[in-house]
Amino acid sequence: MPDIGGGTWGAARLAEIVQALQGRLEPGRGQRPGRPTDATWVHRAKIPMNEATAQKIARLAERASREGRKVSTMQMAAQLLEEAVASIPDAEG
């Protein structure tokens, strides 16, 4: 998980993560559109985690949700994972 720190700086970093997630979610398409998603997400992997982590991510997803746009726990988990991986420099070179 990206290091968001604590206090005001941590809250600001979390707000950036939430804003990035909200910006990439698009309404579902078709006759019965489902939950908004990111069309670039092509893998639907199950990621094992302990209960405390799952609950924390669920709380973050609730905080990121807006009226008319619910963020799921796994959408939040995907955003956090992508942010964390993006912050790691490539070993290739």
PDB file of N, CA and C in Angstrom:
ATOM      1  N   MET A   1       0.849  -1.168   0.000  1.00  0.00           N
ATOM      2  CA  MET A   1       0.000   0.000   0.000  1.00  0.00           C
ATOM      3  C   MET A   1       0.895   1.230   0.000  1.00  0.00           C
ATOM      4  N   PRO A   2       0.525   2.234  -0.802  1.00  0.00           N
ATOM      5  CA  PRO A   2       1.354   3.436  -0.803  1.00  0.00           C
ATOM      6  C   PRO A   2       1.426   4.052   0.580  1.00  0.00           C
ATOM      7  N   ASP A   3       2.586   4.602   0.904  1.00  0.00           N
ATOM      8  CA  ASP A   3       2.746   5.260   2.195  1.00  0.00           C
ATOM      9  C   ASP A   3       2.059   6.612   2.114  1.00  0.00           C
ATOM     10  N   ILE A   4       0.909   6.728   2.773  1.00  0.00           N
ATOM     11  CA  ILE A   4       0.200   8.002   2.746  1.00  0.00           C
ATOM     12  C   ILE A   4       0.512   8.827   3.975  1.00  0.00           C
ATOM     13  N   GLY A   5       1.248   8.246   4.923  1.00  0.00           N
ATOM     14  CA  GLY A   5       1.609   8.975   6.130  1.00  0.00           C
ATOM     15  C   GLY A   5       0.401   9.240   6.998  1.00  0.00           C
ATOM     16  N   GLY A   6       0.595  10.091   7.974  1.00  0.00           N
ATOM     17  CA  GLY A   6      -0.497  10.417   8.877  1.00  0.00           C
ATOM     18  C   GLY A   6      -0.805  11.898   8.838  1.00  0.00           C
ATOM     19  N   GLY A   7      -1.759  12.300   9.611  1.00  0.00           N
ATOM     20  CA  GLY A   7      -2.094  13.710   9.753  1.00  0.00           C
ATOM     21  C   GLY A   7      -2.565  14.348   8.465  1.00  0.00           C
ATOM     22  N   THR A   8      -2.303  15.637   8.347  1.00  0.00           N
ATOM     23  CA  THR A   8      -2.768  16.419   7.204  1.00  0.00           C
ATOM     24  C   THR A   8      -2.172  15.924   5.897  1.00  0.00           C
ATOM     25  N   TRP A   9      -0.869  15.619   5.896  1.00  0.00           N
ATOM     26  CA  TRP A   9      -0.219  15.143   4.671  1.00  0.00           C
ATOM     27  C   TRP A   9      -0.791  13.806   4.238  1.00  0.00           C
ATOM     28  N   GLY A  10      -1.042  12.919   5.193  1.00  0.00           N
ATOM     29  CA  GLY A  10      -1.630  11.621   4.865  1.00  0.00           C
ATOM     30  C   GLY A  10      -3.026  11.769   4.292  1.00  0.00           C
ATOM     31  N   ALA A  11      -3.813  12.659   4.872  1.00  0.00           N
ATOM     32  CA  ALA A  11      -5.169  12.898   4.374  1.00  0.00           C
ATOM     33  C   ALA A  11      -5.128  13.463   2.956  1.00  0.00           C
ATOM     34  N   ALA A  12      -4.170  14.344   2.696  1.00  0.00           N
ATOM     35  CA  ALA A  12      -4.042  14.921   1.357  1.00  0.00           C
ATOM     36  C   ALA A  12      -3.647  13.849   0.348  1.00  0.00           C
ATOM     37  N   ARG A  13      -2.736  12.963   0.727  1.00  0.00           N
ATOM     38  CA  ARG A  13      -2.310  11.879  -0.180  1.00  0.00           C
ATOM     39  C   ARG A  13      -3.463  10.930  -0.457  1.00  0.00           C
ATOM     40  N   LEU A  14      -4.230  10.596   0.581  1.00  0.00           N
ATOM     41  CA  LEU A  14      -5.387   9.727   0.390  1.00  0.00           C
ATOM     42  C   LEU A  14      -6.399  10.403  -0.531  1.00  0.00           C
ATOM     43  N   ALA A  15      -6.593  11.701  -0.381  1.00  0.00           N
ATOM     44  CA  ALA A  15      -7.511  12.434  -1.259  1.00  0.00           C
ATOM     45  C   ALA A  15      -7.052  12.355  -2.712  1.00  0.00           C
ATOM     46  N   GLU A  16      -5.736  12.404  -2.951  1.00  0.00           N
ATOM     47  CA  GLU A  16      -5.202  12.261  -4.312  1.00  0.00           C
ATOM     48  C   GLU A  16      -5.517  10.882  -4.873  1.00  0.00           C
ATOM     49  N   ILE A  17      -5.355   9.852  -4.054  1.00  0.00           N
ATOM     50  CA  ILE A  17      -5.632   8.482  -4.490  1.00  0.00           C
ATOM     51  C   ILE A  17      -7.113   8.335  -4.826  1.00  0.00           C
ATOM     52  N   VAL A  18      -7.977   8.859  -3.970  1.00  0.00           N
ATOM     53  CA  VAL A  18      -9.422   8.783  -4.199  1.00  0.00           C
ATOM     54  C   VAL A  18      -9.791   9.548  -5.466  1.00  0.00           C
ATOM     55  N   GLN A  19      -9.227  10.733  -5.655  1.00  0.00           N
ATOM     56  CA  GLN A  19      -9.514  11.528  -6.843  1.00  0.00           C
ATOM     57  C   GLN A  19      -9.075  10.786  -8.107  1.00  0.00           C
ATOM     58  N   ALA A  20      -7.915  10.147  -8.062  1.00  0.00           N
ATOM     59  CA  ALA A  20      -7.442   9.375  -9.209  1.00  0.00           C
ATOM     60  C   ALA A  20      -8.402   8.233  -9.517  1.00  0.00           C
ATOM     61  N   LEU A  21      -8.880   7.559  -8.483  1.00  0.00           N
ATOM     62  CA  LEU A  21      -9.817   6.452  -8.683  1.00  0.00           C
ATOM     63  C   LEU A  21     -11.133   6.968  -9.251  1.00  0.00           C
ATOM     64  N   GLN A  22     -11.682   8.020  -8.665  1.00  0.00           N
ATOM     65  CA  GLN A  22     -12.946   8.574  -9.155  1.00  0.00           C
ATOM     66  C   GLN A  22     -12.815   9.013 -10.616  1.00  0.00           C
ATOM     67  N   GLY A  23     -11.652   9.542 -10.978  1.00  0.00           N
ATOM     68  CA  GLY A  23     -11.437  10.015 -12.337  1.00  0.00           C
ATOM     69  C   GLY A  23     -11.354   8.917 -13.376  1.00  0.00           C
ATOM     70  N   ARG A  24     -11.000   7.727 -12.965  1.00  0.00           N
ATOM     71  CA  ARG A  24     -10.851   6.653 -13.947  1.00  0.00           C
ATOM     72  C   ARG A  24     -12.064   5.754 -14.051  1.00  0.00           C
ATOM     73  N   LEU A  25     -12.990   5.834 -13.110  1.00  0.00           N
ATOM     74  CA  LEU A  25     -14.186   5.001 -13.173  1.00  0.00           C
ATOM     75  C   LEU A  25     -15.182   5.585 -14.167  1.00  0.00           C
ATOM     76  N   GLU A  26     -15.672   4.724 -15.062  1.00  0.00           N
ATOM     77  CA  GLU A  26     -16.653   5.143 -16.063  1.00  0.00           C
ATOM     78  C   GLU A  26     -17.913   4.319 -15.879  1.00  0.00           C
ATOM     79  N   PRO A  27     -19.083   4.926 -16.155  1.00  0.00           N
ATOM     80  CA  PRO A  27     -20.323   4.152 -16.029  1.00  0.00           C
ATOM     81  C   PRO A  27     -20.288   2.929 -16.932  1.00  0.00           C
ATOM     82  N   GLY A  28     -20.916   1.856 -16.454  1.00  0.00           N
ATOM     83  CA  GLY A  28     -21.013   0.654 -17.277  1.00  0.00           C
ATOM     84  C   GLY A  28     -21.805   0.945 -18.541  1.00  0.00           C
ATOM     85  N   ARG A  29     -21.613   0.136 -19.554  1.00  0.00           N
ATOM     86  CA  ARG A  29     -22.309   0.324 -20.826  1.00  0.00           C
ATOM     87  C   ARG A  29     -23.242  -0.849 -21.062  1.00  0.00           C
ATOM     88  N   GLY A  30     -24.176  -0.646 -21.960  1.00  0.00           N
ATOM     89  CA  GLY A  30     -25.104  -1.706 -22.315  1.00  0.00           C
ATOM     90  C   GLY A  30     -26.501  -1.409 -21.800  1.00  0.00           C
ATOM     91  N   GLN A  31     -27.384  -2.379 -22.004  1.00  0.00           N
ATOM     92  CA  GLN A  31     -28.772  -2.200 -21.595  1.00  0.00           C
ATOM     93  C   GLN A  31     -28.912  -2.142 -20.085  1.00  0.00           C
ATOM     94  N   ARG A  32     -28.101  -2.902 -19.389  1.00  0.00           N
ATOM     95  CA  ARG A  32     -28.151  -2.924 -17.929  1.00  0.00           C
ATOM     96  C   ARG A  32     -26.769  -2.594 -17.387  1.00  0.00           C
ATOM     97  N   PRO A  33     -26.397  -1.313 -17.441  1.00  0.00           N
ATOM     98  CA  PRO A  33     -25.050  -0.963 -16.983  1.00  0.00           C
ATOM     99  C   PRO A  33     -24.866  -1.271 -15.505  1.00  0.00           C
ATOM    100  N   GLY A  34     -23.735  -1.813 -15.196  1.00  0.00           N
ATOM    101  CA  GLY A  34     -23.428  -2.160 -13.811  1.00  0.00           C
ATOM    102  C   GLY A  34     -22.651  -1.056 -13.130  1.00  0.00           C
ATOM    103  N   ARG A  35     -21.917  -1.442 -12.110  1.00  0.00           N
ATOM    104  CA  ARG A  35     -21.108  -0.497 -11.340  1.00  0.00           C
ATOM    105  C   ARG A  35     -20.048   0.128 -12.245  1.00  0.00           C
ATOM    106  N   PRO A  36     -19.778   1.417 -12.067  1.00  0.00           N
ATOM    107  CA  PRO A  36     -18.708   2.049 -12.846  1.00  0.00           C
ATOM    108  C   PRO A  36     -17.387   1.297 -12.662  1.00  0.00           C
ATOM    109  N   THR A  37     -16.610   1.243 -13.735  1.00  0.00           N
ATOM    110  CA  THR A  37     -15.338   0.528 -13.687  1.00  0.00           C
ATOM    111  C   THR A  37     -14.320   1.242 -14.567  1.00  0.00           C
ATOM    112  N   ASP A  38     -13.132   0.731 -14.597  1.00  0.00           N
ATOM    113  CA  ASP A  38     -12.060   1.233 -15.451  1.00  0.00           C
ATOM    114  C   ASP A  38     -11.885   0.225 -16.580  1.00  0.00           C
ATOM    115  N   ALA A  39     -12.068   0.666 -17.816  1.00  0.00           N
ATOM    116  CA  ALA A  39     -11.999  -0.233 -18.964  1.00  0.00           C
ATOM    117  C   ALA A  39     -10.614  -0.846 -19.146  1.00  0.00           C
ATOM    118  N   THR A  40      -9.567  -0.235 -18.572  1.00  0.00           N
ATOM    119  CA  THR A  40      -8.223  -0.802 -18.722  1.00  0.00           C
ATOM    120  C   THR A  40      -7.977  -1.967 -17.774  1.00  0.00           C
ATOM    121  N   TRP A  41      -8.863  -2.170 -16.806  1.00  0.00           N
ATOM    122  CA  TRP A  41      -8.702  -3.308 -15.902  1.00  0.00           C
ATOM    123  C   TRP A  41      -9.150  -4.566 -16.637  1.00  0.00           C
ATOM    124  N   VAL A  42      -8.202  -5.382 -17.031  1.00  0.00           N
ATOM    125  CA  VAL A  42      -8.522  -6.579 -17.800  1.00  0.00           C
ATOM    126  C   VAL A  42      -8.355  -7.856 -16.984  1.00  0.00           C
ATOM    127  N   HIS A  43      -7.741  -7.772 -15.836  1.00  0.00           N
ATOM    128  CA  HIS A  43      -7.565  -8.934 -14.967  1.00  0.00           C
ATOM    129  C   HIS A  43      -8.488  -8.803 -13.769  1.00  0.00           C
ATOM    130  N   ARG A  44      -9.107  -9.902 -13.393  1.00  0.00           N
ATOM    131  CA  ARG A  44     -10.009  -9.928 -12.238  1.00  0.00           C
ATOM    132  C   ARG A  44      -9.455 -10.921 -11.220  1.00  0.00           C
ATOM    133  N   ALA A  45      -8.302 -10.610 -10.699  1.00  0.00           N
ATOM    134  CA  ALA A  45      -7.621 -11.521  -9.779  1.00  0.00           C
ATOM    135  C   ALA A  45      -8.181 -11.406  -8.368  1.00  0.00           C
ATOM    136  N   LYS A  46      -8.226 -12.528  -7.704  1.00  0.00           N
ATOM    137  CA  LYS A  46      -8.547 -12.521  -6.279  1.00  0.00           C
ATOM    138  C   LYS A  46      -7.233 -12.367  -5.530  1.00  0.00           C
ATOM    139  N   ILE A  47      -7.210 -11.433  -4.612  1.00  0.00           N
ATOM    140  CA  ILE A  47      -5.985 -11.159  -3.869  1.00  0.00           C
ATOM    141  C   ILE A  47      -6.206 -11.536  -2.415  1.00  0.00           C
ATOM    142  N   PRO A  48      -5.450 -12.499  -1.904  1.00  0.00           N
ATOM    143  CA  PRO A  48      -5.620 -12.871  -0.501  1.00  0.00           C
ATOM    144  C   PRO A  48      -5.150 -11.751   0.419  1.00  0.00           C
ATOM    145  N   MET A  49      -5.891 -11.551   1.493  1.00  0.00           N
ATOM    146  CA  MET A  49      -5.517 -10.554   2.498  1.00  0.00           C
ATOM    147  C   MET A  49      -6.161 -10.931   3.816  1.00  0.00           C
ATOM    148  N   ASN A  50      -5.605 -10.421   4.897  1.00  0.00           N
ATOM    149  CA  ASN A  50      -6.193 -10.719   6.203  1.00  0.00           C
ATOM    150  C   ASN A  50      -7.419  -9.835   6.434  1.00  0.00           C
ATOM    151  N   GLU A  51      -8.175 -10.171   7.451  1.00  0.00           N
ATOM    152  CA  GLU A  51      -9.439  -9.482   7.726  1.00  0.00           C
ATOM    153  C   GLU A  51      -9.235  -7.999   8.039  1.00  0.00           C
ATOM    154  N   ALA A  52      -8.187  -7.678   8.786  1.00  0.00           N
ATOM    155  CA  ALA A  52      -7.940  -6.276   9.144  1.00  0.00           C
ATOM    156  C   ALA A  52      -7.693  -5.426   7.897  1.00  0.00           C
ATOM    157  N   THR A  53      -6.931  -5.956   6.950  1.00  0.00           N
ATOM    158  CA  THR A  53      -6.665  -5.234   5.703  1.00  0.00           C
ATOM    159  C   THR A  53      -7.944  -5.069   4.898  1.00  0.00           C
ATOM    160  N   ALA A  54      -8.726  -6.135   4.799  1.00  0.00           N
ATOM    161  CA  ALA A  54      -9.988  -6.074   4.054  1.00  0.00           C
ATOM    162  C   ALA A  54     -10.923  -5.027   4.653  1.00  0.00           C
ATOM    163  N   GLN A  55     -10.994  -4.972   5.966  1.00  0.00           N
ATOM    164  CA  GLN A  55     -11.865  -3.996   6.620  1.00  0.00           C
ATOM    165  C   GLN A  55     -11.369  -2.568   6.393  1.00  0.00           C
ATOM    166  N   LYS A  56     -10.064  -2.382   6.449  1.00  0.00           N
ATOM    167  CA  LYS A  56      -9.510  -1.040   6.234  1.00  0.00           C
ATOM    168  C   LYS A  56      -9.780  -0.572   4.807  1.00  0.00           C
ATOM    169  N   ILE A  57      -9.591  -1.457   3.838  1.00  0.00           N
ATOM    170  CA  ILE A  57      -9.860  -1.098   2.445  1.00  0.00           C
ATOM    171  C   ILE A  57     -11.348  -0.819   2.250  1.00  0.00           C
ATOM    172  N   ALA A  58     -12.206  -1.592   2.910  1.00  0.00           N
ATOM    173  CA  ALA A  58     -13.651  -1.351   2.820  1.00  0.00           C
ATOM    174  C   ALA A  58     -14.011   0.029   3.367  1.00  0.00           C
ATOM    175  N   ARG A  59     -13.377   0.422   4.467  1.00  0.00           N
ATOM    176  CA  ARG A  59     -13.638   1.755   5.030  1.00  0.00           C
ATOM    177  C   ARG A  59     -13.156   2.851   4.073  1.00  0.00           C
ATOM    178  N   LEU A  60     -11.995   2.637   3.456  1.00  0.00           N
ATOM    179  CA  LEU A  60     -11.494   3.610   2.482  1.00  0.00           C
ATOM    180  C   LEU A  60     -12.442   3.711   1.286  1.00  0.00           C
ATOM    181  N   ALA A  61     -12.974   2.574   0.838  1.00  0.00           N
ATOM    182  CA  ALA A  61     -13.920   2.573  -0.282  1.00  0.00           C
ATOM    183  C   ALA A  61     -15.191   3.334   0.079  1.00  0.00           C
ATOM    184  N   GLU A  62     -15.666   3.158   1.295  1.00  0.00           N
ATOM    185  CA  GLU A  62     -16.850   3.908   1.744  1.00  0.00           C
ATOM    186  C   GLU A  62     -16.577   5.406   1.713  1.00  0.00           C
ATOM    187  N   ARG A  63     -15.406   5.806   2.185  1.00  0.00           N
ATOM    188  CA  ARG A  63     -15.045   7.228   2.196  1.00  0.00           C
ATOM    189  C   ARG A  63     -14.900   7.778   0.779  1.00  0.00           C
ATOM    190  N   ALA A  64     -14.475   6.931  -0.160  1.00  0.00           N
ATOM    191  CA  ALA A  64     -14.283   7.367  -1.541  1.00  0.00           C
ATOM    192  C   ALA A  64     -15.592   7.415  -2.326  1.00  0.00           C
ATOM    193  N   SER A  65     -16.612   6.726  -1.849  1.00  0.00           N
ATOM    194  CA  SER A  65     -17.891   6.673  -2.553  1.00  0.00           C
ATOM    195  C   SER A  65     -18.605   8.016  -2.480  1.00  0.00           C
ATOM    196  N   ARG A  66     -19.327   8.295  -3.536  1.00  0.00           N
ATOM    197  CA  ARG A  66     -20.131   9.509  -3.616  1.00  0.00           C
ATOM    198  C   ARG A  66     -21.553   9.094  -3.984  1.00  0.00           C
ATOM    199  N   GLU A  67     -22.494  10.004  -3.772  1.00  0.00           N
ATOM    200  CA  GLU A  67     -23.876   9.705  -4.140  1.00  0.00           C
ATOM    201  C   GLU A  67     -23.933   9.423  -5.636  1.00  0.00           C
ATOM    202  N   GLY A  68     -24.495   8.300  -5.995  1.00  0.00           N
ATOM    203  CA  GLY A  68     -24.578   7.921  -7.392  1.00  0.00           C
ATOM    204  C   GLY A  68     -23.334   7.242  -7.933  1.00  0.00           C
ATOM    205  N   ARG A  69     -22.269   7.146  -7.141  1.00  0.00           N
ATOM    206  CA  ARG A  69     -21.041   6.479  -7.589  1.00  0.00           C
ATOM    207  C   ARG A  69     -20.396   5.777  -6.414  1.00  0.00           C
ATOM    208  N   LYS A  70     -20.764   4.506  -6.251  1.00  0.00           N
ATOM    209  CA  LYS A  70     -20.216   3.710  -5.158  1.00  0.00           C
ATOM    210  C   LYS A  70     -18.885   3.120  -5.593  1.00  0.00           C
ATOM    211  N   VAL A  71     -17.897   3.224  -4.747  1.00  0.00           N
ATOM    212  CA  VAL A  71     -16.595   2.600  -4.987  1.00  0.00           C
ATOM    213  C   VAL A  71     -16.573   1.297  -4.204  1.00  0.00           C
ATOM    214  N   SER A  72     -16.297   0.196  -4.897  1.00  0.00           N
ATOM    215  CA  SER A  72     -16.261  -1.100  -4.224  1.00  0.00           C
ATOM    216  C   SER A  72     -14.926  -1.294  -3.510  1.00  0.00           C
ATOM    217  N   THR A  73     -14.917  -2.238  -2.599  1.00  0.00           N
ATOM    218  CA  THR A  73     -13.686  -2.570  -1.878  1.00  0.00           C
ATOM    219  C   THR A  73     -12.588  -2.984  -2.852  1.00  0.00           C
ATOM    220  N   MET A  74     -12.925  -3.795  -3.850  1.00  0.00           N
ATOM    221  CA  MET A  74     -11.904  -4.267  -4.781  1.00  0.00           C
ATOM    222  C   MET A  74     -11.454  -3.176  -5.746  1.00  0.00           C
ATOM    223  N   GLN A  75     -12.328  -2.217  -6.068  1.00  0.00           N
ATOM    224  CA  GLN A  75     -11.879  -1.079  -6.875  1.00  0.00           C
ATOM    225  C   GLN A  75     -10.850  -0.263  -6.103  1.00  0.00           C
ATOM    226  N   MET A  76     -11.114  -0.054  -4.820  1.00  0.00           N
ATOM    227  CA  MET A  76     -10.155   0.677  -3.985  1.00  0.00           C
ATOM    228  C   MET A  76      -8.860  -0.122  -3.866  1.00  0.00           C
ATOM    229  N   ALA A  77      -8.966  -1.429  -3.665  1.00  0.00           N
ATOM    230  CA  ALA A  77      -7.771  -2.269  -3.559  1.00  0.00           C
ATOM    231  C   ALA A  77      -6.950  -2.196  -4.844  1.00  0.00           C
ATOM    232  N   ALA A  78      -7.618  -2.222  -5.995  1.00  0.00           N
ATOM    233  CA  ALA A  78      -6.910  -2.145  -7.274  1.00  0.00           C
ATOM    234  C   ALA A  78      -6.178  -0.817  -7.411  1.00  0.00           C
ATOM    235  N   GLN A  79      -6.834   0.271  -7.033  1.00  0.00           N
ATOM    236  CA  GLN A  79      -6.193   1.591  -7.125  1.00  0.00           C
ATOM    237  C   GLN A  79      -4.971   1.665  -6.214  1.00  0.00           C
ATOM    238  N   LEU A  80      -5.120   1.192  -4.979  1.00  0.00           N
ATOM    239  CA  LEU A  80      -3.995   1.212  -4.035  1.00  0.00           C
ATOM    240  C   LEU A  80      -2.839   0.355  -4.542  1.00  0.00           C
ATOM    241  N   LEU A  81      -3.154  -0.821  -5.084  1.00  0.00           N
ATOM    242  CA  LEU A  81      -2.117  -1.707  -5.608  1.00  0.00           C
ATOM    243  C   LEU A  81      -1.403  -1.052  -6.790  1.00  0.00           C
ATOM    244  N   GLU A  82      -2.159  -0.464  -7.709  1.00  0.00           N
ATOM    245  CA  GLU A  82      -1.536   0.185  -8.858  1.00  0.00           C
ATOM    246  C   GLU A  82      -0.670   1.373  -8.439  1.00  0.00           C
ATOM    247  N   GLU A  83      -1.137   2.145  -7.451  1.00  0.00           N
ATOM    248  CA  GLU A  83      -0.333   3.274  -6.940  1.00  0.00           C
ATOM    249  C   GLU A  83       0.972   2.756  -6.329  1.00  0.00           C
ATOM    250  N   ALA A  84       0.874   1.680  -5.556  1.00  0.00           N
ATOM    251  CA  ALA A  84       2.065   1.129  -4.902  1.00  0.00           C
ATOM    252  C   ALA A  84       3.059   0.599  -5.930  1.00  0.00           C
ATOM    253  N   VAL A  85       2.562  -0.149  -6.917  1.00  0.00           N
ATOM    254  CA  VAL A  85       3.445  -0.714  -7.937  1.00  0.00           C
ATOM    255  C   VAL A  85       4.076   0.401  -8.773  1.00  0.00           C
ATOM    256  N   ALA A  86       3.312   1.430  -9.090  1.00  0.00           N
ATOM    257  CA  ALA A  86       3.844   2.543  -9.885  1.00  0.00           C
ATOM    258  C   ALA A  86       4.960   3.287  -9.159  1.00  0.00           C
ATOM    259  N   SER A  87       4.957   3.240  -7.838  1.00  0.00           N
ATOM    260  CA  SER A  87       5.983   3.961  -7.076  1.00  0.00           C
ATOM    261  C   SER A  87       7.294   3.188  -6.955  1.00  0.00           C
ATOM    262  N   ILE A  88       7.318   1.943  -7.408  1.00  0.00           N
ATOM    263  CA  ILE A  88       8.524   1.114  -7.338  1.00  0.00           C
ATOM    264  C   ILE A  88       9.291   1.256  -8.648  1.00  0.00           C
ATOM    265  N   PRO A  89      10.557   1.658  -8.597  1.00  0.00           N
ATOM    266  CA  PRO A  89      11.332   1.790  -9.834  1.00  0.00           C
ATOM    267  C   PRO A  89      11.512   0.426 -10.505  1.00  0.00           C
ATOM    268  N   ASP A  90      11.510   0.433 -11.838  1.00  0.00           N
ATOM    269  CA  ASP A  90      11.754  -0.797 -12.585  1.00  0.00           C
ATOM    270  C   ASP A  90      13.173  -1.277 -12.337  1.00  0.00           C
ATOM    271  N   ALA A  91      13.337  -2.582 -12.242  1.00  0.00           N
ATOM    272  CA  ALA A  91      14.663  -3.168 -12.031  1.00  0.00           C
ATOM    273  C   ALA A  91      15.418  -3.296 -13.348  1.00  0.00           C
ATOM    274  N   GLU A  92      14.685  -3.166 -14.462  1.00  0.00           N
ATOM    275  CA  GLU A  92      15.324  -3.285 -15.773  1.00  0.00           C
ATOM    276  C   GLU A  92      16.127  -2.025 -16.071  1.00  0.00           C
ATOM    277  N   GLY A  93      17.098  -2.136 -16.914  1.00  0.00           N
ATOM    278  CA  GLY A  93      17.817  -0.928 -17.265  1.00  0.00           C
ATOM    279  C   GLY A  93      19.074  -1.223 -17.880  1.00  0.00           C
TER     280      GLY A  93
END
